[in-house]
Each structure stands twice: as structure tokens, then as C-alpha cells.
Amino acid sequence: QAVSAMSDSVETVLANVGWAASDVDSLVAHQANLRILNTVASVTGI
């Protein structure tokens, strides 16, 4: 659920500001688990 919810939220704010995933310089996700961080990045294209 964390991966799904965070990925959806990231895509929402990216759309709101008109950024592509490739535009992002820094993804600061909640530091719960390294696998979650990497999976959120992968799903969102960052």
C-alpha cells in the first residue's frame, strides 16, 4: 500500500506543477525501508 499510495501522490503533484519524472532532482520519500524507496522511484520513473 505504501508503494501504491506514495507513487500515486508523486504523480499527482508532478502533474500539478507540470514536471516530468525526469525533471526531478531529488526524491525525499519517507525513510521506512530502502526497498520501498527504490520501488517508488521505479514506479514513478524517477
All heavy atoms as atom14 arrays in JSON, in Angstrom:
{
  "sequence": "QAVSAMSDSVETVLANVGWAASDVDSLVAHQANLRILNTVASVTGI",
  "atom14_mask": [
    [1, 1, 1, 1, 1, 1, 1, 1, 1, 0, 0, 0, 0, 0],
    [1, 1, 1, 1, 1, 0, 0, 0, 0, 0, 0, 0, 0, 0],
    [1, 1, 1, 1, 1, 1, 1, 0, 0, 0, 0, 0, 0, 0],
    [1, 1, 1, 1, 1, 1, 0, 0, 0, 0, 0, 0, 0, 0],
    [1, 1, 1, 1, 1, 0, 0, 0, 0, 0, 0, 0, 0, 0],
    [1, 1, 1, 1, 1, 1, 1, 1, 0, 0, 0, 0, 0, 0],
    [1, 1, 1, 1, 1, 1, 0, 0, 0, 0, 0, 0, 0, 0],
    [1, 1, 1, 1, 1, 1, 1, 1, 0, 0, 0, 0, 0, 0],
    [1, 1, 1, 1, 1, 1, 0, 0, 0, 0, 0, 0, 0, 0],
    [1, 1, 1, 1, 1, 1, 1, 0, 0, 0, 0, 0, 0, 0],
    [1, 1, 1, 1, 1, 1, 1, 1, 1, 0, 0, 0, 0, 0],
    [1, 1, 1, 1, 1, 1, 1, 0, 0, 0, 0, 0, 0, 0],
    [1, 1, 1, 1, 1, 1, 1, 0, 0, 0, 0, 0, 0, 0],
    [1, 1, 1, 1, 1, 1, 1, 1, 0, 0, 0, 0, 0, 0],
    [1, 1, 1, 1, 1, 0, 0, 0, 0, 0, 0, 0, 0, 0],
    [1, 1, 1, 1, 1, 1, 1, 1, 0, 0, 0, 0, 0, 0],
    [1, 1, 1, 1, 1, 1, 1, 0, 0, 0, 0, 0, 0, 0],
    [1, 1, 1, 1, 0, 0, 0, 0, 0, 0, 0, 0, 0, 0],
    [1, 1, 1, 1, 1, 1, 1, 1, 1, 1, 1, 1, 1, 1],
    [1, 1, 1, 1, 1, 0, 0, 0, 0, 0, 0, 0, 0, 0],
    [1, 1, 1, 1, 1, 0, 0, 0, 0, 0, 0, 0, 0, 0],
    [1, 1, 1, 1, 1, 1, 0, 0, 0, 0, 0, 0, 0, 0],
    [1, 1, 1, 1, 1, 1, 1, 1, 0, 0, 0, 0, 0, 0],
    [1, 1, 1, 1, 1, 1, 1, 0, 0, 0, 0, 0, 0, 0],
    [1, 1, 1, 1, 1, 1, 1, 1, 0, 0, 0, 0, 0, 0],
    [1, 1, 1, 1, 1, 1, 0, 0, 0, 0, 0, 0, 0, 0],
    [1, 1, 1, 1, 1, 1, 1, 1, 0, 0, 0, 0, 0, 0],
    [1, 1, 1, 1, 1, 1, 1, 0, 0, 0, 0, 0, 0, 0],
    [1, 1, 1, 1, 1, 0, 0, 0, 0, 0, 0, 0, 0, 0],
    [1, 1, 1, 1, 1, 1, 1, 1, 1, 1, 0, 0, 0, 0],
    [1, 1, 1, 1, 1, 1, 1, 1, 1, 0, 0, 0, 0, 0],
    [1, 1, 1, 1, 1, 0, 0, 0, 0, 0, 0, 0, 0, 0],
    [1, 1, 1, 1, 1, 1, 1, 1, 0, 0, 0, 0, 0, 0],
    [1, 1, 1, 1, 1, 1, 1, 1, 0, 0, 0, 0, 0, 0],
    [1, 1, 1, 1, 1, 1, 1, 1, 1, 1, 1, 0, 0, 0],
    [1, 1, 1, 1, 1, 1, 1, 1, 0, 0, 0, 0, 0, 0],
    [1, 1, 1, 1, 1, 1, 1, 1, 0, 0, 0, 0, 0, 0],
    [1, 1, 1, 1, 1, 1, 1, 1, 0, 0, 0, 0, 0, 0],
    [1, 1, 1, 1, 1, 1, 1, 0, 0, 0, 0, 0, 0, 0],
    [1, 1, 1, 1, 1, 1, 1, 0, 0, 0, 0, 0, 0, 0],
    [1, 1, 1, 1, 1, 0, 0, 0, 0, 0, 0, 0, 0, 0],
    [1, 1, 1, 1, 1, 1, 0, 0, 0, 0, 0, 0, 0, 0],
    [1, 1, 1, 1, 1, 1, 1, 0, 0, 0, 0, 0, 0, 0],
    [1, 1, 1, 1, 1, 1, 1, 0, 0, 0, 0, 0, 0, 0],
    [1, 1, 1, 1, 0, 0, 0, 0, 0, 0, 0, 0, 0, 0],
    [1, 1, 1, 1, 1, 1, 1, 1, 0, 0, 0, 0, 0, 0]
  ],
  "atom14_positions": [
    [[0.82, -1.21, 0.0], [0.0, 0.0, 0.0], [0.85, 1.26, 0.0], [0.49, 2.26, -0.61], [-0.95, -0.02, 1.2], [-2.01, -1.09, 1.1], [-3.25, -0.77, 1.93], [-3.54, 0.38, 2.25], [-4.02, -1.8, 2.25], [0.0, 0.0, 0.0], [0.0, 0.0, 0.0], [0.0, 0.0, 0.0], [0.0, 0.0, 0.0], [0.0, 0.0, 0.0]],
    [[1.99, 1.22, 0.69], [2.86, 2.39, 0.73], [3.39, 2.73, -0.66], [3.39, 3.9, -1.08], [4.02, 2.15, 1.69], [0.0, 0.0, 0.0], [0.0, 0.0, 0.0], [0.0, 0.0, 0.0], [0.0, 0.0, 0.0], [0.0, 0.0, 0.0], [0.0, 0.0, 0.0], [0.0, 0.0, 0.0], [0.0, 0.0, 0.0], [0.0, 0.0, 0.0]],
    [[3.83, 1.72, -1.38], [4.35, 1.96, -2.73], [3.26, 2.53, -3.62], [3.47, 3.53, -4.34], [4.92, 0.66, -3.32], [5.18, 0.82, -4.82], [6.2, 0.25, -2.61], [0.0, 0.0, 0.0], [0.0, 0.0, 0.0], [0.0, 0.0, 0.0], [0.0, 0.0, 0.0], [0.0, 0.0, 0.0], [0.0, 0.0, 0.0], [0.0, 0.0, 0.0]],
    [[2.07, 1.94, -3.59], [0.97, 2.4, -4.43], [0.55, 3.82, -4.08], [0.41, 4.68, -4.96], [-0.22, 1.45, -4.28], [-1.33, 1.93, -5.01], [0.0, 0.0, 0.0], [0.0, 0.0, 0.0], [0.0, 0.0, 0.0], [0.0, 0.0, 0.0], [0.0, 0.0, 0.0], [0.0, 0.0, 0.0], [0.0, 0.0, 0.0], [0.0, 0.0, 0.0]],
    [[0.37, 4.09, -2.78], [-0.14, 5.4, -2.35], [0.89, 6.5, -2.61], [0.53, 7.58, -3.11], [-0.5, 5.35, -0.87], [0.0, 0.0, 0.0], [0.0, 0.0, 0.0], [0.0, 0.0, 0.0], [0.0, 0.0, 0.0], [0.0, 0.0, 0.0], [0.0, 0.0, 0.0], [0.0, 0.0, 0.0], [0.0, 0.0, 0.0], [0.0, 0.0, 0.0]],
    [[2.15, 6.24, -2.26], [3.16, 7.28, -2.48], [3.38, 7.53, -3.96], [3.53, 8.68, -4.39], [4.47, 6.9, -1.79], [4.42, 7.03, -0.28], [6.06, 7.01, 0.52], [6.46, 5.27, 0.38], [0.0, 0.0, 0.0], [0.0, 0.0, 0.0], [0.0, 0.0, 0.0], [0.0, 0.0, 0.0], [0.0, 0.0, 0.0], [0.0, 0.0, 0.0]],
    [[3.38, 6.47, -4.77], [3.57, 6.65, -6.21], [2.44, 7.48, -6.8], [2.68, 8.39, -7.61], [3.65, 5.29, -6.89], [4.75, 4.55, -6.43], [0.0, 0.0, 0.0], [0.0, 0.0, 0.0], [0.0, 0.0, 0.0], [0.0, 0.0, 0.0], [0.0, 0.0, 0.0], [0.0, 0.0, 0.0], [0.0, 0.0, 0.0], [0.0, 0.0, 0.0]],
    [[1.2, 7.19, -6.42], [0.07, 7.96, -6.91], [0.17, 9.43, -6.5], [-0.11, 10.34, -7.31], [-1.25, 7.38, -6.39], [-1.62, 6.06, -7.05], [-0.99, 5.71, -8.06], [-2.55, 5.39, -6.54], [0.0, 0.0, 0.0], [0.0, 0.0, 0.0], [0.0, 0.0, 0.0], [0.0, 0.0, 0.0], [0.0, 0.0, 0.0], [0.0, 0.0, 0.0]],
    [[0.59, 9.67, -5.26], [0.72, 11.04, -4.77], [1.81, 11.8, -5.52], [1.65, 12.98, -5.86], [1.03, 11.04, -3.28], [-0.03, 10.51, -2.53], [0.0, 0.0, 0.0], [0.0, 0.0, 0.0], [0.0, 0.0, 0.0], [0.0, 0.0, 0.0], [0.0, 0.0, 0.0], [0.0, 0.0, 0.0], [0.0, 0.0, 0.0], [0.0, 0.0, 0.0]],
    [[2.93, 11.12, -5.76], [4.01, 11.75, -6.51], [3.53, 12.14, -7.91], [3.78, 13.26, -8.38], [5.22, 10.8, -6.61], [6.24, 11.31, -7.63], [5.88, 10.64, -5.25], [0.0, 0.0, 0.0], [0.0, 0.0, 0.0], [0.0, 0.0, 0.0], [0.0, 0.0, 0.0], [0.0, 0.0, 0.0], [0.0, 0.0, 0.0], [0.0, 0.0, 0.0]],
    [[2.83, 11.22, -8.57], [2.35, 11.51, -9.92], [1.34, 12.66, -9.92], [1.3, 13.47, -10.86], [1.75, 10.25, -10.53], [2.83, 9.2, -10.84], [2.29, 7.83, -11.17], [1.05, 7.63, -11.06], [3.09, 6.94, -11.52], [0.0, 0.0, 0.0], [0.0, 0.0, 0.0], [0.0, 0.0, 0.0], [0.0, 0.0, 0.0], [0.0, 0.0, 0.0]],
    [[0.55, 12.77, -8.85], [-0.41, 13.87, -8.74], [0.28, 15.22, -8.67], [-0.07, 16.15, -9.41], [-1.31, 13.68, -7.51], [-2.1, 12.5, -7.67], [-2.24, 14.88, -7.31], [0.0, 0.0, 0.0], [0.0, 0.0, 0.0], [0.0, 0.0, 0.0], [0.0, 0.0, 0.0], [0.0, 0.0, 0.0], [0.0, 0.0, 0.0], [0.0, 0.0, 0.0]],
    [[1.27, 15.36, -7.77], [1.92, 16.66, -7.65], [2.81, 16.97, -8.85], [2.97, 18.14, -9.22], [2.7, 16.8, -6.32], [1.76, 16.82, -5.14], [3.77, 15.73, -6.17], [0.0, 0.0, 0.0], [0.0, 0.0, 0.0], [0.0, 0.0, 0.0], [0.0, 0.0, 0.0], [0.0, 0.0, 0.0], [0.0, 0.0, 0.0], [0.0, 0.0, 0.0]],
    [[3.37, 15.94, -9.47], [4.13, 16.18, -10.71], [3.21, 16.79, -11.77], [3.58, 17.77, -12.45], [4.73, 14.88, -11.24], [5.95, 14.32, -10.51], [6.35, 12.97, -11.1], [7.13, 15.28, -10.59], [0.0, 0.0, 0.0], [0.0, 0.0, 0.0], [0.0, 0.0, 0.0], [0.0, 0.0, 0.0], [0.0, 0.0, 0.0], [0.0, 0.0, 0.0]],
    [[2.02, 16.23, -11.91], [1.07, 16.77, -12.88], [0.64, 18.18, -12.52], [0.49, 19.05, -13.4], [-0.15, 15.85, -12.97], [0.0, 0.0, 0.0], [0.0, 0.0, 0.0], [0.0, 0.0, 0.0], [0.0, 0.0, 0.0], [0.0, 0.0, 0.0], [0.0, 0.0, 0.0], [0.0, 0.0, 0.0], [0.0, 0.0, 0.0], [0.0, 0.0, 0.0]],
    [[0.48, 18.43, -11.21], [0.03, 19.75, -10.76], [1.03, 20.85, -11.08], [0.64, 22.0, -11.32], [-0.26, 19.73, -9.26], [-1.53, 18.99, -8.92], [-2.34, 18.69, -9.78], [-1.72, 18.68, -7.64], [0.0, 0.0, 0.0], [0.0, 0.0, 0.0], [0.0, 0.0, 0.0], [0.0, 0.0, 0.0], [0.0, 0.0, 0.0], [0.0, 0.0, 0.0]],
    [[2.32, 20.53, -11.05], [3.34, 21.55, -11.33], [3.91, 21.44, -12.73], [4.77, 22.23, -13.12], [4.48, 21.5, -10.28], [3.97, 21.89, -8.91], [5.14, 20.13, -10.25], [0.0, 0.0, 0.0], [0.0, 0.0, 0.0], [0.0, 0.0, 0.0], [0.0, 0.0, 0.0], [0.0, 0.0, 0.0], [0.0, 0.0, 0.0], [0.0, 0.0, 0.0]],
    [[3.46, 20.44, -13.5], [3.91, 20.32, -14.87], [5.32, 19.79, -15.04], [5.99, 20.1, -16.03], [0.0, 0.0, 0.0], [0.0, 0.0, 0.0], [0.0, 0.0, 0.0], [0.0, 0.0, 0.0], [0.0, 0.0, 0.0], [0.0, 0.0, 0.0], [0.0, 0.0, 0.0], [0.0, 0.0, 0.0], [0.0, 0.0, 0.0], [0.0, 0.0, 0.0]],
    [[5.78, 18.97, -14.06], [7.1, 18.37, -14.17], [6.98, 16.94, -14.68], [6.03, 16.22, -14.34], [7.81, 18.32, -12.82], [8.11, 19.63, -12.19], [8.06, 20.87, -12.77], [8.5, 19.85, -10.83], [8.39, 21.84, -11.85], [8.67, 21.24, -10.66], [8.72, 19.0, -9.74], [9.06, 21.81, -9.44], [9.1, 19.56, -8.52], [9.28, 20.95, -8.37]],
    [[7.95, 16.52, -15.45], [8.1, 15.11, -15.79], [8.94, 14.44, -14.72], [9.69, 15.12, -13.99], [8.78, 14.96, -17.15], [0.0, 0.0, 0.0], [0.0, 0.0, 0.0], [0.0, 0.0, 0.0], [0.0, 0.0, 0.0], [0.0, 0.0, 0.0], [0.0, 0.0, 0.0], [0.0, 0.0, 0.0], [0.0, 0.0, 0.0], [0.0, 0.0, 0.0]],
    [[8.84, 13.13, -14.61], [9.65, 12.41, -13.63], [11.13, 12.67, -13.84], [11.91, 12.76, -12.89], [9.35, 10.91, -13.7], [0.0, 0.0, 0.0], [0.0, 0.0, 0.0], [0.0, 0.0, 0.0], [0.0, 0.0, 0.0], [0.0, 0.0, 0.0], [0.0, 0.0, 0.0], [0.0, 0.0, 0.0], [0.0, 0.0, 0.0], [0.0, 0.0, 0.0]],
    [[11.53, 12.81, -15.1], [12.94, 13.05, -15.41], [13.42, 14.43, -14.98], [14.63, 14.68, -14.92], [13.17, 12.87, -16.91], [12.34, 13.76, -17.66], [0.0, 0.0, 0.0], [0.0, 0.0, 0.0], [0.0, 0.0, 0.0], [0.0, 0.0, 0.0], [0.0, 0.0, 0.0], [0.0, 0.0, 0.0], [0.0, 0.0, 0.0], [0.0, 0.0, 0.0]],
    [[12.47, 15.34, -14.68], [12.84, 16.68, -14.21], [13.25, 16.69, -12.75], [13.91, 17.63, -12.29], [11.67, 17.65, -14.37], [11.29, 17.91, -15.83], [12.21, 17.88, -16.68], [10.1, 18.13, -16.1], [0.0, 0.0, 0.0], [0.0, 0.0, 0.0], [0.0, 0.0, 0.0], [0.0, 0.0, 0.0], [0.0, 0.0, 0.0], [0.0, 0.0, 0.0]],
    [[12.85, 15.67, -11.98], [13.05, 15.67, -10.54], [14.53, 15.49, -10.2], [15.19, 14.56, -10.67], [12.22, 14.55, -9.87], [12.5, 14.49, -8.38], [10.73, 14.78, -10.14], [0.0, 0.0, 0.0], [0.0, 0.0, 0.0], [0.0, 0.0, 0.0], [0.0, 0.0, 0.0], [0.0, 0.0, 0.0], [0.0, 0.0, 0.0], [0.0, 0.0, 0.0]],
    [[15.03, 16.4, -9.37], [16.42, 16.33, -8.93], [16.58, 15.55, -7.64], [17.65, 15.0, -7.36], [16.98, 17.75, -8.73], [17.0, 18.56, -10.01], [17.68, 18.13, -10.96], [16.31, 19.59, -10.07], [0.0, 0.0, 0.0], [0.0, 0.0, 0.0], [0.0, 0.0, 0.0], [0.0, 0.0, 0.0], [0.0, 0.0, 0.0], [0.0, 0.0, 0.0]],
    [[15.52, 15.51, -6.82], [15.61, 14.86, -5.51], [14.25, 14.32, -5.1], [13.27, 15.06, -5.07], [16.11, 15.85, -4.45], [16.12, 15.28, -3.17], [0.0, 0.0, 0.0], [0.0, 0.0, 0.0], [0.0, 0.0, 0.0], [0.0, 0.0, 0.0], [0.0, 0.0, 0.0], [0.0, 0.0, 0.0], [0.0, 0.0, 0.0], [0.0, 0.0, 0.0]],
    [[14.21, 13.02, -4.79], [13.01, 12.38, -4.25], [13.27, 12.11, -2.77], [14.14, 11.3, -2.43], [12.7, 11.07, -4.98], [11.58, 10.21, -4.39], [10.24, 10.93, -4.48], [11.53, 8.85, -5.07], [0.0, 0.0, 0.0], [0.0, 0.0, 0.0], [0.0, 0.0, 0.0], [0.0, 0.0, 0.0], [0.0, 0.0, 0.0], [0.0, 0.0, 0.0]],
    [[12.54, 12.81, -1.91], [12.7, 12.61, -0.47], [11.45, 11.88, 0.02], [10.46, 12.5, 0.4], [12.89, 13.94, 0.28], [13.3, 13.67, 1.73], [13.94, 14.81, -0.39], [0.0, 0.0, 0.0], [0.0, 0.0, 0.0], [0.0, 0.0, 0.0], [0.0, 0.0, 0.0], [0.0, 0.0, 0.0], [0.0, 0.0, 0.0], [0.0, 0.0, 0.0]],
    [[11.52, 10.56, -0.03], [10.41, 9.74, 0.43], [10.62, 9.38, 1.9], [11.76, 9.37, 2.39], [10.31, 8.47, -0.42], [0.0, 0.0, 0.0], [0.0, 0.0, 0.0], [0.0, 0.0, 0.0], [0.0, 0.0, 0.0], [0.0, 0.0, 0.0], [0.0, 0.0, 0.0], [0.0, 0.0, 0.0], [0.0, 0.0, 0.0], [0.0, 0.0, 0.0]],
    [[9.52, 9.09, 2.58], [9.61, 8.64, 3.97], [10.61, 7.5, 4.06], [10.54, 6.53, 3.3], [8.25, 8.21, 4.47], [8.3, 7.46, 5.76], [8.93, 7.94, 6.88], [7.82, 6.23, 6.09], [8.84, 7.05, 7.85], [8.17, 6.0, 7.39], [0.0, 0.0, 0.0], [0.0, 0.0, 0.0], [0.0, 0.0, 0.0], [0.0, 0.0, 0.0]],
    [[11.53, 7.61, 5.01], [12.63, 6.67, 5.13], [12.22, 5.44, 5.94], [12.65, 5.23, 7.07], [13.83, 7.36, 5.77], [14.26, 8.63, 5.07], [15.03, 8.37, 3.79], [16.1, 7.77, 3.8], [14.49, 8.81, 2.67], [0.0, 0.0, 0.0], [0.0, 0.0, 0.0], [0.0, 0.0, 0.0], [0.0, 0.0, 0.0], [0.0, 0.0, 0.0]],
    [[11.38, 4.61, 5.33], [10.87, 3.43, 6.02], [11.7, 2.19, 5.72], [11.95, 1.38, 6.62], [9.42, 3.18, 5.61], [0.0, 0.0, 0.0], [0.0, 0.0, 0.0], [0.0, 0.0, 0.0], [0.0, 0.0, 0.0], [0.0, 0.0, 0.0], [0.0, 0.0, 0.0], [0.0, 0.0, 0.0], [0.0, 0.0, 0.0], [0.0, 0.0, 0.0]],
    [[12.11, 2.07, 4.48], [12.7, 0.83, 4.01], [13.33, 1.13, 2.66], [12.72, 1.77, 1.81], [11.58, -0.22, 3.89], [12.03, -1.54, 3.36], [12.57, -1.64, 2.27], [11.78, -2.59, 4.14], [0.0, 0.0, 0.0], [0.0, 0.0, 0.0], [0.0, 0.0, 0.0], [0.0, 0.0, 0.0], [0.0, 0.0, 0.0], [0.0, 0.0, 0.0]],
    [[14.56, 0.69, 2.45], [15.26, 1.0, 1.21], [14.54, 0.42, -0.01], [14.49, 1.04, -1.08], [16.69, 0.47, 1.26], [17.59, 0.84, 0.07], [17.7, 2.34, -0.09], [18.97, 0.21, 0.24], [0.0, 0.0, 0.0], [0.0, 0.0, 0.0], [0.0, 0.0, 0.0], [0.0, 0.0, 0.0], [0.0, 0.0, 0.0], [0.0, 0.0, 0.0]],
    [[13.93, -0.74, 0.16], [13.21, -1.34, -0.96], [12.0, -0.5, -1.36], [11.66, -0.38, -2.54], [12.78, -2.76, -0.61], [13.94, -3.75, -0.49], [13.41, -5.15, -0.24], [12.67, -5.23, 1.01], [11.68, -6.09, 1.25], [11.27, -6.91, 0.29], [11.08, -6.11, 2.42], [0.0, 0.0, 0.0], [0.0, 0.0, 0.0], [0.0, 0.0, 0.0]],
    [[11.33, 0.09, -0.36], [10.2, 0.97, -0.66], [10.68, 2.2, -1.42], [10.07, 2.61, -2.42], [9.45, 1.38, 0.62], [8.72, 0.17, 1.22], [8.46, 2.5, 0.33], [8.0, 0.48, 2.52], [0.0, 0.0, 0.0], [0.0, 0.0, 0.0], [0.0, 0.0, 0.0], [0.0, 0.0, 0.0], [0.0, 0.0, 0.0], [0.0, 0.0, 0.0]],
    [[11.78, 2.8, -0.97], [12.3, 4.0, -1.64], [12.61, 3.69, -3.11], [12.22, 4.45, -4.01], [13.59, 4.49, -0.96], [13.55, 4.87, 0.51], [14.89, 5.46, 0.92], [12.43, 5.84, 0.8], [0.0, 0.0, 0.0], [0.0, 0.0, 0.0], [0.0, 0.0, 0.0], [0.0, 0.0, 0.0], [0.0, 0.0, 0.0], [0.0, 0.0, 0.0]],
    [[13.3, 2.6, -3.35], [13.69, 2.26, -4.71], [12.49, 1.89, -5.57], [12.45, 2.22, -6.76], [14.69, 1.11, -4.69], [16.05, 1.52, -4.12], [16.38, 2.71, -4.11], [16.81, 0.56, -3.66], [0.0, 0.0, 0.0], [0.0, 0.0, 0.0], [0.0, 0.0, 0.0], [0.0, 0.0, 0.0], [0.0, 0.0, 0.0], [0.0, 0.0, 0.0]],
    [[11.5, 1.23, -4.97], [10.33, 0.83, -5.75], [9.48, 2.03, -6.12], [8.97, 2.12, -7.25], [9.48, -0.2, -4.97], [10.3, -1.31, -4.6], [8.33, -0.69, -5.81], [0.0, 0.0, 0.0], [0.0, 0.0, 0.0], [0.0, 0.0, 0.0], [0.0, 0.0, 0.0], [0.0, 0.0, 0.0], [0.0, 0.0, 0.0], [0.0, 0.0, 0.0]],
    [[9.3, 3.0, -5.19], [8.57, 4.22, -5.52], [9.26, 4.96, -6.66], [8.6, 5.44, -7.6], [8.42, 5.12, -4.28], [7.88, 6.5, -4.67], [7.5, 4.48, -3.25], [0.0, 0.0, 0.0], [0.0, 0.0, 0.0], [0.0, 0.0, 0.0], [0.0, 0.0, 0.0], [0.0, 0.0, 0.0], [0.0, 0.0, 0.0], [0.0, 0.0, 0.0]],
    [[10.58, 5.05, -6.59], [11.32, 5.7, -7.68], [11.08, 4.98, -9.0], [10.8, 5.6, -10.03], [12.8, 5.73, -7.35], [0.0, 0.0, 0.0], [0.0, 0.0, 0.0], [0.0, 0.0, 0.0], [0.0, 0.0, 0.0], [0.0, 0.0, 0.0], [0.0, 0.0, 0.0], [0.0, 0.0, 0.0], [0.0, 0.0, 0.0], [0.0, 0.0, 0.0]],
    [[11.14, 3.66, -8.97], [10.96, 2.87, -10.19], [9.56, 3.04, -10.77], [9.39, 3.25, -11.99], [11.23, 1.39, -9.9], [10.98, 0.59, -11.02], [0.0, 0.0, 0.0], [0.0, 0.0, 0.0], [0.0, 0.0, 0.0], [0.0, 0.0, 0.0], [0.0, 0.0, 0.0], [0.0, 0.0, 0.0], [0.0, 0.0, 0.0], [0.0, 0.0, 0.0]],
    [[8.55, 2.96, -9.92], [7.16, 3.06, -10.39], [6.87, 4.43, -11.0], [6.17, 4.55, -12.0], [6.18, 2.76, -9.24], [4.74, 3.09, -9.63], [6.28, 1.3, -8.82], [0.0, 0.0, 0.0], [0.0, 0.0, 0.0], [0.0, 0.0, 0.0], [0.0, 0.0, 0.0], [0.0, 0.0, 0.0], [0.0, 0.0, 0.0], [0.0, 0.0, 0.0]],
    [[7.42, 5.48, -10.4], [7.14, 6.84, -10.87], [8.05, 7.28, -12.0], [7.83, 8.32, -12.62], [7.27, 7.85, -9.71], [8.6, 7.77, -9.16], [6.25, 7.57, -8.62], [0.0, 0.0, 0.0], [0.0, 0.0, 0.0], [0.0, 0.0, 0.0], [0.0, 0.0, 0.0], [0.0, 0.0, 0.0], [0.0, 0.0, 0.0], [0.0, 0.0, 0.0]],
    [[9.09, 6.5, -12.28], [10.01, 6.85, -13.35], [11.12, 7.79, -12.93], [11.89, 8.28, -13.78], [0.0, 0.0, 0.0], [0.0, 0.0, 0.0], [0.0, 0.0, 0.0], [0.0, 0.0, 0.0], [0.0, 0.0, 0.0], [0.0, 0.0, 0.0], [0.0, 0.0, 0.0], [0.0, 0.0, 0.0], [0.0, 0.0, 0.0], [0.0, 0.0, 0.0]],
    [[11.24, 8.04, -11.64], [12.34, 8.87, -11.13], [13.55, 7.96, -10.93], [13.44, 6.92, -10.28], [11.94, 9.54, -9.8], [10.74, 10.47, -10.01], [13.11, 10.32, -9.21], [10.14, 11.01, -8.72], [0.0, 0.0, 0.0], [0.0, 0.0, 0.0], [0.0, 0.0, 0.0], [0.0, 0.0, 0.0], [0.0, 0.0, 0.0], [0.0, 0.0, 0.0]]
  ]
}
